[in-house]
Amino acid sequence: MKLIKFAIVFVSVLVLSGCGFHLRGGADDNYKFPFKTVYLDCGTPAICDGLRKTIVNERLTTLVTNKESAEAIILVDHEETNRSTYDFNSVGQINNIKLTYEVTSVIFDNKGEQMMPDIVVSSQTLMNYNNSLILSANQQEAQSWDTLHQNVITSLIRRIVYSRPKLISTNAIESK
């Protein structure tokens, strides 16, 4: 009986690995930044620590401590948060709140020239709101903001990984 279970598990793992299924966290050399070294220039945005930790933990590139030794400089400079009322219940009380988080990032080379257009990443969610449960609503809102921050980090990294910096001039005269 144990041999049959082992055979079934072995065959299913073999089939899944053969069809291109990859385990989460598996080594994927294609999922890297297009730069060997990066300097992360963050001011006050809430995602800076999480972005730094994700880049290091996922081994996307090498983070350096000075701009001169970096191949690219990622500047995360504009952050916008918005909390707005989405709809009301029949009594006129707030029923849902819409949370929106947006970050703008710019990538420069070590000479200070912009390598690609600004990267604007945003994430939003709807949160049920009950005025009588204000403490739990505050805790739920804090968790929603954390989720939005993580979504923006993931989207920003994905946009950088799959972006192609300026390799060819966009000027038609220069490209002859």
C-alpha atoms as a PDB file:
ATOM      1  CA  MET A   1       0.000   0.000   0.000  1.00  0.00           C
ATOM      2  CA  LYS A   2       2.843   2.395   0.859  1.00  0.00           C
ATOM      3  CA  LEU A   3       4.533   1.563  -2.417  1.00  0.00           C
ATOM      4  CA  ILE A   4       1.387   2.478  -4.364  1.00  0.00           C
ATOM      5  CA  LYS A   5       1.073   5.832  -2.535  1.00  0.00           C
ATOM      6  CA  PHE A   6       4.743   6.560  -3.175  1.00  0.00           C
ATOM      7  CA  ALA A   7       4.356   5.676  -6.851  1.00  0.00           C
ATOM      8  CA  ILE A   8       1.317   7.947  -7.218  1.00  0.00           C
ATOM      9  CA  VAL A   9       3.098  10.870  -5.549  1.00  0.00           C
ATOM     10  CA  PHE A  10       6.245  10.264  -7.598  1.00  0.00           C
ATOM     11  CA  VAL A  11       4.350  10.120 -10.891  1.00  0.00           C
ATOM     12  CA  SER A  12       2.319  13.259 -10.089  1.00  0.00           C
ATOM     13  CA  VAL A  13       5.495  15.199  -9.195  1.00  0.00           C
ATOM     14  CA  LEU A  14       7.119  13.948 -12.378  1.00  0.00           C
ATOM     15  CA  VAL A  15       4.128  15.029 -14.483  1.00  0.00           C
ATOM     16  CA  LEU A  16       3.932  18.462 -12.837  1.00  0.00           C
ATOM     17  CA  SER A  17       7.627  19.109 -13.307  1.00  0.00           C
ATOM     18  CA  GLY A  18       7.435  17.997 -16.922  1.00  0.00           C
ATOM     19  CA  CYS A  19       4.571  20.334 -17.809  1.00  0.00           C
ATOM     20  CA  GLY A  20       6.408  23.481 -16.759  1.00  0.00           C
ATOM     21  CA  PHE A  21       4.934  23.839 -13.282  1.00  0.00           C
ATOM     22  CA  HIS A  22       7.434  25.490 -10.942  1.00  0.00           C
ATOM     23  CA  LEU A  23       7.269  25.430  -7.191  1.00  0.00           C
ATOM     24  CA  ARG A  24       6.903  28.813  -5.549  1.00  0.00           C
ATOM     25  CA  GLY A  25      10.280  30.273  -4.695  1.00  0.00           C
ATOM     26  CA  GLY A  26      12.072  28.046  -7.154  1.00  0.00           C
ATOM     27  CA  ALA A  27      15.199  29.353  -8.801  1.00  0.00           C
ATOM     28  CA  ASP A  28      14.330  31.310 -11.912  1.00  0.00           C
ATOM     29  CA  ASP A  29      17.320  33.078 -13.419  1.00  0.00           C
ATOM     30  CA  ASN A  30      15.096  34.995 -15.841  1.00  0.00           C
ATOM     31  CA  TYR A  31      13.337  36.801 -12.992  1.00  0.00           C
ATOM     32  CA  LYS A  32      16.073  39.318 -12.250  1.00  0.00           C
ATOM     33  CA  PHE A  33      16.498  43.039 -12.653  1.00  0.00           C
ATOM     34  CA  PRO A  34      18.077  44.019 -15.982  1.00  0.00           C
ATOM     35  CA  PHE A  35      20.853  45.712 -13.971  1.00  0.00           C
ATOM     36  CA  LYS A  36      23.702  44.036 -12.093  1.00  0.00           C
ATOM     37  CA  THR A  37      23.926  46.671  -9.355  1.00  0.00           C
ATOM     38  CA  VAL A  38      21.237  49.050  -8.128  1.00  0.00           C
ATOM     39  CA  TYR A  39      21.157  51.955  -5.720  1.00  0.00           C
ATOM     40  CA  LEU A  40      17.712  52.355  -4.148  1.00  0.00           C
ATOM     41  CA  ASP A  41      16.959  56.022  -3.472  1.00  0.00           C
ATOM     42  CA  CYS A  42      13.884  56.228  -1.258  1.00  0.00           C
ATOM     43  CA  GLY A  43      12.692  59.240   0.608  1.00  0.00           C
ATOM     44  CA  THR A  44       9.746  58.642   2.898  1.00  0.00           C
ATOM     45  CA  PRO A  45       7.453  56.240   1.006  1.00  0.00           C
ATOM     46  CA  ALA A  46       6.022  53.478   3.167  1.00  0.00           C
ATOM     47  CA  ILE A  47       7.138  50.757   0.761  1.00  0.00           C
ATOM     48  CA  CYS A  48      10.889  51.496   0.890  1.00  0.00           C
ATOM     49  CA  ASP A  49      11.819  48.996   3.610  1.00  0.00           C
ATOM     50  CA  GLY A  50       9.640  46.292   2.069  1.00  0.00           C
ATOM     51  CA  LEU A  51      11.046  46.984  -1.404  1.00  0.00           C
ATOM     52  CA  ARG A  52      14.615  46.789  -0.125  1.00  0.00           C
ATOM     53  CA  LYS A  53      13.928  43.530   1.760  1.00  0.00           C
ATOM     54  CA  THR A  54      12.200  41.966  -1.256  1.00  0.00           C
ATOM     55  CA  ILE A  55      15.058  42.848  -3.616  1.00  0.00           C
ATOM     56  CA  VAL A  56      17.584  41.321  -1.213  1.00  0.00           C
ATOM     57  CA  ASN A  57      15.535  38.240  -0.245  1.00  0.00           C
ATOM     58  CA  GLU A  58      14.578  37.372  -3.828  1.00  0.00           C
ATOM     59  CA  ARG A  59      18.151  38.044  -5.043  1.00  0.00           C
ATOM     60  CA  LEU A  60      16.879  40.198  -7.897  1.00  0.00           C
ATOM     61  CA  THR A  61      20.095  42.221  -8.065  1.00  0.00           C
ATOM     62  CA  THR A  62      22.889  43.531  -5.875  1.00  0.00           C
ATOM     63  CA  LEU A  63      22.022  46.611  -3.834  1.00  0.00           C
ATOM     64  CA  VAL A  64      24.912  49.026  -3.378  1.00  0.00           C
ATOM     65  CA  THR A  65      25.308  51.829  -0.863  1.00  0.00           C
ATOM     66  CA  ASN A  66      26.556  54.598  -3.155  1.00  0.00           C
ATOM     67  CA  LYS A  67      25.254  55.942  -6.447  1.00  0.00           C
ATOM     68  CA  GLU A  68      28.628  55.962  -8.199  1.00  0.00           C
ATOM     69  CA  SER A  69      29.063  52.185  -8.111  1.00  0.00           C
ATOM     70  CA  ALA A  70      25.501  51.441  -9.259  1.00  0.00           C
ATOM     71  CA  GLU A  71      24.559  50.542 -12.805  1.00  0.00           C
ATOM     72  CA  ALA A  72      21.067  51.937 -12.170  1.00  0.00           C
ATOM     73  CA  ILE A  73      19.464  54.198  -9.589  1.00  0.00           C
ATOM     74  CA  ILE A  74      15.850  53.501  -8.659  1.00  0.00           C
ATOM     75  CA  LEU A  75      14.226  56.632  -7.286  1.00  0.00           C
ATOM     76  CA  VAL A  76      10.942  56.110  -5.458  1.00  0.00           C
ATOM     77  CA  ASP A  77       9.903  59.691  -4.946  1.00  0.00           C
ATOM     78  CA  HIS A  78       6.163  60.186  -5.160  1.00  0.00           C
ATOM     79  CA  GLU A  79       3.672  58.420  -2.944  1.00  0.00           C
ATOM     80  CA  GLU A  80      -0.046  59.087  -2.807  1.00  0.00           C
ATOM     81  CA  THR A  81      -2.576  57.547  -0.449  1.00  0.00           C
ATOM     82  CA  ASN A  82      -6.302  58.080  -0.672  1.00  0.00           C
ATOM     83  CA  ARG A  83      -9.135  56.988   1.594  1.00  0.00           C
ATOM     84  CA  SER A  84     -12.554  57.825   0.225  1.00  0.00           C
ATOM     85  CA  THR A  85     -16.147  56.888   0.873  1.00  0.00           C
ATOM     86  CA  TYR A  86     -17.381  54.415  -1.708  1.00  0.00           C
ATOM     87  CA  ASP A  87     -21.062  53.987  -0.810  1.00  0.00           C
ATOM     88  CA  PHE A  88     -23.627  54.412   1.957  1.00  0.00           C
ATOM     89  CA  ASN A  89     -26.240  52.112   3.464  1.00  0.00           C
ATOM     90  CA  SER A  90     -29.988  52.870   3.591  1.00  0.00           C
ATOM     91  CA  VAL A  91     -29.611  54.872   6.826  1.00  0.00           C
ATOM     92  CA  GLY A  92     -26.968  57.131   5.310  1.00  0.00           C
ATOM     93  CA  GLN A  93     -23.983  55.663   7.139  1.00  0.00           C
ATOM     94  CA  ILE A  94     -20.754  54.729   5.403  1.00  0.00           C
ATOM     95  CA  ASN A  95     -20.930  51.172   4.093  1.00  0.00           C
ATOM     96  CA  ASN A  96     -17.671  50.801   2.121  1.00  0.00           C
ATOM     97  CA  ILE A  97     -14.410  52.699   1.992  1.00  0.00           C
ATOM     98  CA  LYS A  98     -12.097  52.724  -1.012  1.00  0.00           C
ATOM     99  CA  LEU A  99      -8.368  52.699  -0.217  1.00  0.00           C
ATOM    100  CA  THR A 100      -5.938  53.677  -2.984  1.00  0.00           C
ATOM    101  CA  TYR A 101      -2.140  53.655  -2.888  1.00  0.00           C
ATOM    102  CA  GLU A 102       0.024  54.931  -5.748  1.00  0.00           C
ATOM    103  CA  VAL A 103       3.797  55.208  -6.142  1.00  0.00           C
ATOM    104  CA  THR A 104       5.877  56.766  -8.906  1.00  0.00           C
ATOM    105  CA  SER A 105       9.370  55.482  -9.553  1.00  0.00           C
ATOM    106  CA  VAL A 106      12.053  56.657 -11.955  1.00  0.00           C
ATOM    107  CA  ILE A 107      15.137  54.723 -13.060  1.00  0.00           C
ATOM    108  CA  PHE A 108      18.350  56.567 -13.887  1.00  0.00           C
ATOM    109  CA  ASP A 109      21.749  55.357 -15.019  1.00  0.00           C
ATOM    110  CA  ASN A 110      24.833  56.311 -13.007  1.00  0.00           C
ATOM    111  CA  LYS A 111      25.278  59.422 -15.190  1.00  0.00           C
ATOM    112  CA  GLY A 112      21.878  60.752 -14.136  1.00  0.00           C
ATOM    113  CA  GLU A 113      20.041  60.113 -17.415  1.00  0.00           C
ATOM    114  CA  GLN A 114      16.562  58.640 -17.221  1.00  0.00           C
ATOM    115  CA  MET A 115      16.625  55.109 -18.649  1.00  0.00           C
ATOM    116  CA  MET A 116      12.884  54.567 -19.159  1.00  0.00           C
ATOM    117  CA  PRO A 117       9.587  56.385 -18.661  1.00  0.00           C
ATOM    118  CA  ASP A 118       8.287  56.933 -15.143  1.00  0.00           C
ATOM    119  CA  ILE A 119       6.820  53.808 -13.586  1.00  0.00           C
ATOM    120  CA  VAL A 120       3.488  54.555 -11.916  1.00  0.00           C
ATOM    121  CA  VAL A 121       2.050  51.679  -9.910  1.00  0.00           C
ATOM    122  CA  SER A 122      -1.212  51.802  -8.009  1.00  0.00           C
ATOM    123  CA  SER A 123      -3.368  49.401  -6.070  1.00  0.00           C
ATOM    124  CA  GLN A 124      -6.817  49.809  -4.581  1.00  0.00           C
ATOM    125  CA  THR A 125      -9.255  47.866  -2.475  1.00  0.00           C
ATOM    126  CA  LEU A 126     -12.750  48.186  -1.071  1.00  0.00           C
ATOM    127  CA  MET A 127     -13.171  47.726   2.649  1.00  0.00           C
ATOM    128  CA  ASN A 128     -16.453  47.124   4.460  1.00  0.00           C
ATOM    129  CA  TYR A 129     -16.964  49.687   7.174  1.00  0.00           C
ATOM    130  CA  ASN A 130     -19.146  49.476  10.252  1.00  0.00           C
ATOM    131  CA  ASN A 131     -19.164  52.525  12.534  1.00  0.00           C
ATOM    132  CA  SER A 132     -20.146  50.466  15.598  1.00  0.00           C
ATOM    133  CA  LEU A 133     -17.033  48.284  15.225  1.00  0.00           C
ATOM    134  CA  ILE A 134     -14.514  51.110  14.945  1.00  0.00           C
ATOM    135  CA  LEU A 135     -11.574  49.293  16.608  1.00  0.00           C
ATOM    136  CA  SER A 136     -11.800  46.261  14.364  1.00  0.00           C
ATOM    137  CA  ALA A 137     -12.334  48.544  11.369  1.00  0.00           C
ATOM    138  CA  ASN A 138      -9.091  50.373  12.193  1.00  0.00           C
ATOM    139  CA  GLN A 139      -7.235  47.075  12.457  1.00  0.00           C
ATOM    140  CA  GLN A 140      -8.756  45.872   9.179  1.00  0.00           C
ATOM    141  CA  GLU A 141      -7.765  49.151   7.524  1.00  0.00           C
ATOM    142  CA  ALA A 142      -4.158  48.783   8.722  1.00  0.00           C
ATOM    143  CA  GLN A 143      -4.050  45.261   7.280  1.00  0.00           C
ATOM    144  CA  SER A 144      -5.548  46.522   4.021  1.00  0.00           C
ATOM    145  CA  TRP A 145      -2.842  49.208   3.754  1.00  0.00           C
ATOM    146  CA  ASP A 146      -0.162  46.558   4.342  1.00  0.00           C
ATOM    147  CA  THR A 147      -1.682  44.427   1.583  1.00  0.00           C
ATOM    148  CA  LEU A 148      -1.801  47.412  -0.780  1.00  0.00           C
ATOM    149  CA  HIS A 149       1.853  48.201  -0.041  1.00  0.00           C
ATOM    150  CA  GLN A 150       2.865  44.607  -0.771  1.00  0.00           C
ATOM    151  CA  ASN A 151       0.838  44.611  -4.013  1.00  0.00           C
ATOM    152  CA  VAL A 152       2.574  47.800  -5.148  1.00  0.00           C
ATOM    153  CA  ILE A 153       6.004  46.351  -4.280  1.00  0.00           C
ATOM    154  CA  THR A 154       5.243  43.223  -6.304  1.00  0.00           C
ATOM    155  CA  SER A 155       3.924  45.219  -9.269  1.00  0.00           C
ATOM    156  CA  LEU A 156       6.862  47.634  -9.214  1.00  0.00           C
ATOM    157  CA  ILE A 157       9.360  44.783  -9.163  1.00  0.00           C
ATOM    158  CA  ARG A 158       7.532  43.021 -11.995  1.00  0.00           C
ATOM    159  CA  ARG A 159       7.545  46.207 -14.090  1.00  0.00           C
ATOM    160  CA  ILE A 160      11.288  46.663 -13.528  1.00  0.00           C
ATOM    161  CA  VAL A 161      12.121  43.003 -14.230  1.00  0.00           C
ATOM    162  CA  TYR A 162      10.227  42.941 -17.512  1.00  0.00           C
ATOM    163  CA  SER A 163      11.214  46.441 -18.613  1.00  0.00           C
ATOM    164  CA  ARG A 164      13.839  46.986 -21.217  1.00  0.00           C
ATOM    165  CA  PRO A 165      16.006  50.039 -20.603  1.00  0.00           C
ATOM    166  CA  LYS A 166      16.969  52.283 -23.491  1.00  0.00           C
ATOM    167  CA  LEU A 167      19.280  50.194 -25.623  1.00  0.00           C
ATOM    168  CA  ILE A 168      18.509  51.813 -28.965  1.00  0.00           C
ATOM    169  CA  SER A 169      17.966  55.495 -29.568  1.00  0.00           C
ATOM    170  CA  THR A 170      14.366  56.518 -30.161  1.00  0.00           C
ATOM    171  CA  ASN A 171      15.516  59.368 -32.375  1.00  0.00           C
ATOM    172  CA  ALA A 172      15.010  58.374 -36.037  1.00  0.00           C
ATOM    173  CA  ILE A 173      18.026  60.364 -37.238  1.00  0.00           C
ATOM    174  CA  GLU A 174      20.411  58.651 -34.812  1.00  0.00           C
ATOM    175  CA  SER A 175      19.158  55.160 -35.629  1.00  0.00           C
ATOM    176  CA  LYS A 176      20.055  55.269 -39.348  1.00  0.00           C
END
